[in-house]
Amino acid sequence: MTISVIIPIYKVENYIRRCLESVIEQDSNKFRIECILVDDCTPDKSMEIVKEVVDDYKGGNISFIFLQHGENRGVSAARNTGMTAANGDFLFFLDSDDEIEENALLCLFSCYLKYPYVDVFVGDTYDEERLNMLNVITNDKNYSYVIDDKTVIWKLLLRRQIDRHVWNKLIRRSVVINNKIFFNEHVSLYEDVIWTYKLYAYSSSILILSLMTYKYVNNPLSLIHTTTQRVAQLVESLSIVSDFVYKNPPLINGKIAYYAAHRLFTFHWLMIALEAKEKTNLVSESYSILISLRNALLWDSLKHFRPFLALFYMIMFNPFNKLLKNRWIRSNVYRLEQLAYLLS
């Protein structure tokens, strides 16, 4: 069996060596690794370092594929390029400023041997900046938790209890290719929300492994940290994300599953976009989409006789949105959201 590790590369000269070495150091005697390196027209010395590391590699179970964009197209396009070129049975996305833990792929592969019918294997991630783990389903070390009930998968996803990042997942490639689950290249931030939403929608089962297999490294040069330069992109991206989620509710036997959870999931991304917009004087088509979605959420909740949801959504409207300037309310929005969910 072959695992295709896809690594987009752009402005990571301070991180790419350790990232690539973490792949080379994997115990891959039971499978092969196809390491796909996508140069997204990086202007620094990242690719020089990559070639130096690859030239020094003396093993035999890893093959390296170099792909290059003619111009910088963004991480979504780079991942699409990598997926299209991949030949492995499984895909594994690795950001070039992050690392995978020792024997990470072997641990995930061992789960596949034990549960060969599962489509997605999710490892735990250590967030270097927050000093915590991202999986919240179980904290038992080395414990694997299989979810093969579609309604449960939807429930956990919509309540943000399954990691929605694209990386640190061993993903059956046939699920991605057969269902054409590619990244929206117009979304430059939070692009993984739509992608994982589709992935879980088409996956018959997933496995959560409570073992750290991935290390998220805080890169101050990454897009998510350049907020003053990227607010417009953030608003545009999240308008697409919110619109997509709202228009694609989970359907079980023709009915919306977990109505309140789905609408609150939409609300979550919409609020991030609206908050970002408040930092600028941005008036664009993206902002019009956000306002339309805000209004739709309110009226839709009233139409479905969900008064507590409607009351909660009022925080998006004047003058109630001024409450968000209150520190207590800002820090407890998630708890209020959970209360609205329980009451609805």
Protein backbone atom coordinates (compact mmCIF):
# COMPACT_ATOMS: atom_id res chain seq x y z
CA MET A 1 0.00 0.00 0.00
CA THR A 2 1.13 3.55 -0.75
CA ILE A 3 0.41 6.75 1.19
CA SER A 4 0.63 9.98 -0.79
CA VAL A 5 1.91 12.78 1.46
CA ILE A 6 1.04 16.14 -0.13
CA ILE A 7 3.11 19.18 0.90
CA PRO A 8 2.38 22.66 -0.59
CA ILE A 9 5.46 24.89 -0.42
CA TYR A 10 5.47 28.67 -0.20
CA LYS A 11 7.70 30.93 1.93
CA VAL A 12 8.70 28.26 4.46
CA GLU A 13 12.50 28.28 4.28
CA ASN A 14 12.68 28.34 8.10
CA TYR A 15 10.44 25.29 8.48
CA ILE A 16 10.61 23.03 5.43
CA ARG A 17 13.74 21.12 6.42
CA ARG A 18 12.26 19.87 9.67
CA CYS A 19 8.93 19.19 7.97
CA LEU A 20 10.52 17.04 5.28
CA GLU A 21 12.84 15.29 7.72
CA SER A 22 9.81 14.31 9.80
CA VAL A 23 8.50 12.44 6.73
CA ILE A 24 11.84 10.80 6.01
CA GLU A 25 12.10 9.62 9.61
CA GLN A 26 8.82 7.69 9.40
CA ASP A 27 8.91 3.92 9.84
CA SER A 28 7.53 2.87 6.44
CA ASN A 29 8.58 -0.78 6.20
CA LYS A 30 4.93 -1.87 5.93
CA PHE A 31 3.95 0.61 3.21
CA ARG A 32 5.45 3.01 0.70
CA ILE A 33 5.38 6.79 0.87
CA GLU A 34 4.86 8.95 -2.18
CA CYS A 35 5.93 12.44 -1.09
CA ILE A 36 4.45 15.07 -3.43
CA LEU A 37 6.11 18.48 -3.14
CA VAL A 38 4.18 21.31 -4.80
CA ASP A 39 6.22 24.47 -5.36
CA ASP A 40 3.63 27.27 -5.41
CA CYS A 41 6.16 29.62 -6.98
CA THR A 42 7.87 30.30 -3.66
CA PRO A 43 10.24 33.29 -3.84
CA ASP A 44 12.60 32.22 -1.05
CA LYS A 45 15.09 29.35 -0.65
CA SER A 46 12.51 26.74 0.30
CA MET A 47 12.97 24.59 -2.80
CA GLU A 48 16.76 24.74 -2.55
CA ILE A 49 16.47 23.30 0.96
CA VAL A 50 13.98 20.67 -0.24
CA LYS A 51 16.31 19.47 -2.98
CA GLU A 52 19.21 19.37 -0.55
CA VAL A 53 17.25 17.18 1.88
CA VAL A 54 15.98 14.89 -0.87
CA ASP A 55 19.46 14.51 -2.37
CA ASP A 56 20.73 13.39 1.04
CA TYR A 57 17.98 10.77 1.39
CA LYS A 58 19.42 7.24 1.17
CA GLY A 59 16.33 5.16 1.97
CA GLY A 60 14.22 3.19 -0.46
CA ASN A 61 10.58 3.36 0.68
CA ILE A 62 9.96 7.01 -0.17
CA SER A 63 9.61 8.37 -3.67
CA PHE A 64 9.62 12.13 -4.25
CA ILE A 65 7.55 13.93 -6.87
CA PHE A 66 8.30 17.59 -7.65
CA LEU A 67 5.53 19.74 -9.08
CA GLN A 68 5.70 23.47 -9.81
CA HIS A 69 3.14 26.19 -10.48
CA GLY A 70 4.00 28.85 -13.03
CA GLU A 71 2.65 31.49 -10.66
CA ASN A 72 1.57 31.67 -7.04
CA ARG A 73 -1.97 30.27 -6.89
CA GLY A 74 -2.47 29.64 -3.18
CA VAL A 75 -2.59 26.61 -0.91
CA SER A 76 -5.94 25.36 -2.23
CA ALA A 77 -4.60 25.14 -5.78
CA ALA A 78 -1.38 23.52 -4.54
CA ARG A 79 -3.33 20.82 -2.72
CA ASN A 80 -5.51 20.23 -5.79
CA THR A 81 -2.37 19.84 -7.90
CA GLY A 82 -1.00 17.34 -5.41
CA MET A 83 -4.23 15.34 -5.25
CA THR A 84 -4.48 15.16 -9.03
CA ALA A 85 -0.95 13.78 -9.27
CA ALA A 86 -1.28 11.34 -6.36
CA ASN A 87 -1.22 7.60 -7.02
CA GLY A 88 -1.41 6.34 -3.44
CA ASP A 89 -4.20 4.35 -1.85
CA PHE A 90 -4.45 7.02 0.85
CA LEU A 91 -3.82 10.76 1.01
CA PHE A 92 -2.16 12.61 3.87
CA PHE A 93 -1.93 16.42 3.81
CA LEU A 94 1.02 18.02 5.58
CA ASP A 95 1.55 21.77 5.74
CA SER A 96 5.15 22.72 5.08
CA ASP A 97 5.57 24.64 8.33
CA ASP A 98 4.30 21.71 10.44
CA GLU A 99 5.71 18.29 11.34
CA ILE A 100 4.44 14.76 11.81
CA GLU A 101 5.40 12.83 14.90
CA GLU A 102 7.63 9.78 14.89
CA ASN A 103 5.73 6.73 13.55
CA ALA A 104 2.65 8.88 12.88
CA LEU A 105 1.90 7.25 9.53
CA LEU A 106 2.57 3.79 10.95
CA CYS A 107 0.08 4.42 13.76
CA LEU A 108 -2.60 5.51 11.31
CA PHE A 109 -1.76 2.64 8.95
CA SER A 110 -2.07 0.17 11.84
CA CYS A 111 -5.58 1.50 12.45
CA TYR A 112 -6.35 0.80 8.80
CA LEU A 113 -5.16 -2.81 9.17
CA LYS A 114 -7.48 -3.22 12.14
CA TYR A 115 -10.43 -1.38 10.55
CA PRO A 116 -9.96 -1.73 6.76
CA TYR A 117 -13.47 -0.48 5.96
CA VAL A 118 -12.94 2.98 7.46
CA ASP A 119 -12.57 5.91 5.03
CA VAL A 120 -10.88 8.56 7.19
CA PHE A 121 -8.41 8.06 10.05
CA VAL A 122 -7.93 11.16 12.21
CA GLY A 123 -4.91 11.52 14.47
CA ASP A 124 -4.57 13.97 17.33
CA THR A 125 -2.75 17.27 16.79
CA TYR A 126 -0.55 19.17 19.19
CA ASP A 127 -0.99 22.91 18.83
CA GLU A 128 2.38 24.46 19.65
CA GLU A 129 0.90 27.91 20.22
CA ARG A 130 -1.96 26.87 22.52
CA LEU A 131 -0.07 23.96 24.10
CA ASN A 132 -3.00 21.60 23.74
CA MET A 133 -4.48 18.78 21.69
CA LEU A 134 -7.24 19.37 19.13
CA ASN A 135 -9.30 16.18 19.32
CA VAL A 136 -12.06 16.42 21.90
CA ILE A 137 -13.85 13.09 21.57
CA THR A 138 -11.54 11.11 23.82
CA ASN A 139 -8.46 11.79 25.88
CA ASP A 140 -7.50 8.15 26.41
CA LYS A 141 -4.00 7.57 25.08
CA ASN A 142 -3.84 5.16 22.13
CA TYR A 143 -7.61 4.81 22.16
CA SER A 144 -9.30 4.51 18.77
CA TYR A 145 -12.94 5.45 18.35
CA VAL A 146 -14.79 4.33 15.21
CA ILE A 147 -17.86 6.25 14.05
CA ASP A 148 -19.84 4.46 11.34
CA ASP A 149 -23.21 6.14 11.87
CA LYS A 150 -23.70 9.00 9.41
CA THR A 151 -26.02 10.91 11.74
CA VAL A 152 -23.40 10.80 14.50
CA ILE A 153 -20.70 12.01 12.10
CA TRP A 154 -22.90 14.96 11.15
CA LYS A 155 -23.71 15.75 14.78
CA LEU A 156 -20.06 15.82 15.83
CA LEU A 157 -19.03 17.85 12.78
CA LEU A 158 -21.73 20.48 13.19
CA ARG A 159 -20.98 20.85 16.88
CA ARG A 160 -17.30 21.27 15.95
CA GLN A 161 -16.29 18.15 17.88
CA ILE A 162 -14.36 16.65 14.96
CA ASP A 163 -11.17 18.33 13.82
CA ARG A 164 -12.06 20.21 10.62
CA HIS A 165 -8.47 20.77 9.46
CA VAL A 166 -7.41 19.05 6.26
CA TRP A 167 -4.10 17.86 7.66
CA ASN A 168 -3.36 14.91 9.97
CA LYS A 169 -5.85 12.60 8.32
CA LEU A 170 -5.23 9.36 6.46
CA ILE A 171 -7.89 9.61 3.76
CA ARG A 172 -8.95 6.92 1.31
CA ARG A 173 -8.11 8.47 -2.06
CA SER A 174 -11.02 6.82 -3.87
CA VAL A 175 -13.49 8.71 -1.65
CA VAL A 176 -11.90 12.02 -2.68
CA ILE A 177 -11.50 11.24 -6.39
CA ASN A 178 -14.82 9.46 -6.95
CA ASN A 179 -16.76 12.29 -5.33
CA LYS A 180 -14.60 15.07 -6.80
CA ILE A 181 -13.77 16.58 -3.43
CA PHE A 182 -11.39 19.32 -4.51
CA PHE A 183 -10.58 22.63 -2.88
CA ASN A 184 -12.35 25.84 -3.88
CA GLU A 185 -9.45 27.89 -5.21
CA HIS A 186 -11.30 31.15 -4.56
CA VAL A 187 -11.10 30.47 -0.82
CA SER A 188 -7.70 31.45 0.58
CA LEU A 189 -8.49 31.23 4.31
CA TYR A 190 -10.54 28.59 6.15
CA GLU A 191 -10.47 26.65 2.89
CA ASP A 192 -10.48 23.40 4.85
CA VAL A 193 -14.00 24.02 6.26
CA ILE A 194 -15.74 23.37 2.94
CA TRP A 195 -13.37 20.55 2.01
CA THR A 196 -13.75 18.58 5.24
CA TYR A 197 -17.50 19.27 5.20
CA LYS A 198 -17.68 17.49 1.84
CA LEU A 199 -15.26 14.78 2.97
CA TYR A 200 -17.33 13.81 6.00
CA ALA A 201 -20.51 13.99 3.92
CA TYR A 202 -19.19 11.28 1.59
CA SER A 203 -17.37 9.16 4.19
CA SER A 204 -19.21 6.11 5.46
CA SER A 205 -17.06 5.87 8.58
CA ILE A 206 -14.23 7.63 10.37
CA LEU A 207 -11.80 6.70 13.13
CA ILE A 208 -10.51 9.04 15.83
CA LEU A 209 -7.13 8.07 17.23
CA SER A 210 -6.32 9.63 20.59
CA LEU A 211 -2.60 9.71 19.94
CA MET A 212 -0.58 12.74 18.90
CA THR A 213 0.55 12.23 15.33
CA TYR A 214 0.91 15.83 14.12
CA LYS A 215 2.57 18.99 15.43
CA TYR A 216 1.05 22.28 14.37
CA VAL A 217 3.78 24.94 14.34
CA ASN A 218 2.95 28.60 14.81
CA ASN A 219 4.29 30.36 11.71
CA PRO A 220 4.00 34.17 12.00
CA LEU A 221 4.35 34.46 8.22
CA SER A 222 1.36 32.24 7.44
CA LEU A 223 -1.74 33.84 5.92
CA ILE A 224 -3.82 33.46 9.05
CA HIS A 225 -1.48 35.78 10.98
CA THR A 226 -1.22 38.63 8.45
CA THR A 227 -4.63 39.97 9.41
CA THR A 228 -4.07 43.61 8.43
CA GLN A 229 -3.20 42.53 4.89
CA ARG A 230 -5.72 39.76 4.60
CA VAL A 231 -8.95 41.03 6.15
CA ALA A 232 -10.56 41.47 2.74
CA GLN A 233 -9.56 37.93 1.77
CA LEU A 234 -10.81 36.64 5.11
CA VAL A 235 -14.23 38.24 4.63
CA GLU A 236 -14.43 36.99 1.05
CA SER A 237 -13.39 33.47 2.01
CA LEU A 238 -15.78 33.22 4.93
CA SER A 239 -18.65 34.59 2.87
CA ILE A 240 -18.12 31.65 0.49
CA VAL A 241 -17.77 29.20 3.40
CA SER A 242 -20.90 30.46 5.17
CA ASP A 243 -22.93 30.52 1.96
CA PHE A 244 -21.86 26.99 1.04
CA VAL A 245 -22.65 25.54 4.45
CA TYR A 246 -26.04 27.26 4.65
CA LYS A 247 -27.05 26.00 1.20
CA ASN A 248 -25.84 22.44 1.82
CA PRO A 249 -27.47 21.19 5.02
CA PRO A 250 -26.97 17.53 5.96
CA LEU A 251 -29.88 15.52 4.67
CA ILE A 252 -30.94 12.20 6.19
CA ASN A 253 -33.85 10.58 4.34
CA GLY A 254 -34.61 13.90 2.70
CA LYS A 255 -34.81 15.89 5.94
CA ILE A 256 -32.31 18.28 7.46
CA ALA A 257 -30.41 16.47 10.19
CA TYR A 258 -29.68 18.49 13.32
CA TYR A 259 -31.37 21.65 12.08
CA ALA A 260 -30.27 23.85 14.99
CA ALA A 261 -26.70 22.53 14.92
CA HIS A 262 -26.44 23.18 11.18
CA ARG A 263 -27.75 26.73 11.44
CA LEU A 264 -25.43 27.46 14.37
CA PHE A 265 -22.52 25.98 12.42
CA THR A 266 -23.31 28.51 9.68
CA PHE A 267 -23.63 31.24 12.30
CA HIS A 268 -20.17 30.43 13.68
CA TRP A 269 -18.37 31.19 10.39
CA LEU A 270 -20.68 34.08 9.60
CA MET A 271 -19.85 35.78 12.92
CA ILE A 272 -16.10 35.48 12.28
CA ALA A 273 -16.60 37.16 8.90
CA LEU A 274 -18.81 39.93 10.29
CA GLU A 275 -16.34 40.61 13.09
CA ALA A 276 -13.49 40.84 10.56
CA LYS A 277 -15.55 43.18 8.40
CA GLU A 278 -16.01 45.55 11.34
CA LYS A 279 -12.24 46.19 11.28
CA THR A 280 -12.48 47.65 7.78
CA ASN A 281 -14.70 49.88 5.69
CA LEU A 282 -15.17 47.01 3.28
CA VAL A 283 -18.27 47.27 1.12
CA SER A 284 -18.30 44.53 -1.49
CA GLU A 285 -20.27 41.67 -2.94
CA SER A 286 -18.88 39.52 -0.13
CA TYR A 287 -20.37 41.83 2.47
CA SER A 288 -23.73 41.71 0.67
CA ILE A 289 -23.65 37.92 0.89
CA LEU A 290 -22.97 38.10 4.64
CA ILE A 291 -25.88 40.45 5.23
CA SER A 292 -28.19 38.24 3.15
CA LEU A 293 -27.12 35.19 5.15
CA ARG A 294 -27.58 37.03 8.43
CA ASN A 295 -31.14 37.92 7.46
CA ALA A 296 -31.83 34.43 6.14
CA LEU A 297 -30.75 32.79 9.39
CA LEU A 298 -33.12 34.98 11.39
CA TRP A 299 -36.17 34.57 9.18
CA ASP A 300 -35.52 30.88 8.63
CA SER A 301 -35.49 30.27 12.39
CA LEU A 302 -38.79 32.11 12.76
CA LYS A 303 -40.30 30.13 9.89
CA HIS A 304 -39.29 26.88 11.59
CA PHE A 305 -40.68 28.07 14.94
CA ARG A 306 -37.30 28.30 16.65
CA PRO A 307 -37.74 31.40 18.84
CA PHE A 308 -34.62 30.81 20.95
CA LEU A 309 -32.48 30.59 17.83
CA ALA A 310 -34.05 33.77 16.50
CA LEU A 311 -33.41 35.52 19.80
CA PHE A 312 -29.77 34.41 19.76
CA TYR A 313 -29.30 35.60 16.16
CA MET A 314 -30.34 39.11 17.20
CA ILE A 315 -26.76 39.55 18.42
CA MET A 316 -25.86 40.05 14.76
CA PHE A 317 -28.15 43.06 14.39
CA ASN A 318 -28.04 46.67 15.61
CA PRO A 319 -28.17 47.69 18.37
CA PHE A 320 -27.63 44.25 19.93
CA ASN A 321 -24.30 43.64 18.16
CA LYS A 322 -22.83 46.33 20.42
CA LEU A 323 -23.10 43.76 23.21
CA LEU A 324 -20.17 41.97 21.59
CA LYS A 325 -17.93 44.77 22.81
CA ASN A 326 -18.59 43.53 26.32
CA ARG A 327 -15.70 41.31 27.37
CA TRP A 328 -17.90 38.80 29.23
CA ILE A 329 -20.29 38.34 26.32
CA ARG A 330 -17.45 38.02 23.81
CA SER A 331 -15.79 35.33 25.90
CA ASN A 332 -19.06 33.46 26.42
CA VAL A 333 -20.56 33.55 22.93
CA TYR A 334 -19.80 29.85 22.54
CA ARG A 335 -21.64 29.02 25.77
CA LEU A 336 -24.58 31.12 24.68
CA GLU A 337 -24.53 29.30 21.37
CA GLN A 338 -24.65 25.96 23.18
CA LEU A 339 -27.59 27.20 25.26
CA ALA A 340 -29.43 28.24 22.09
CA TYR A 341 -28.76 24.78 20.68
CA LEU A 342 -30.14 23.02 23.76
CA LEU A 343 -33.24 25.22 23.89
CA SER A 344 -33.93 24.78 20.17
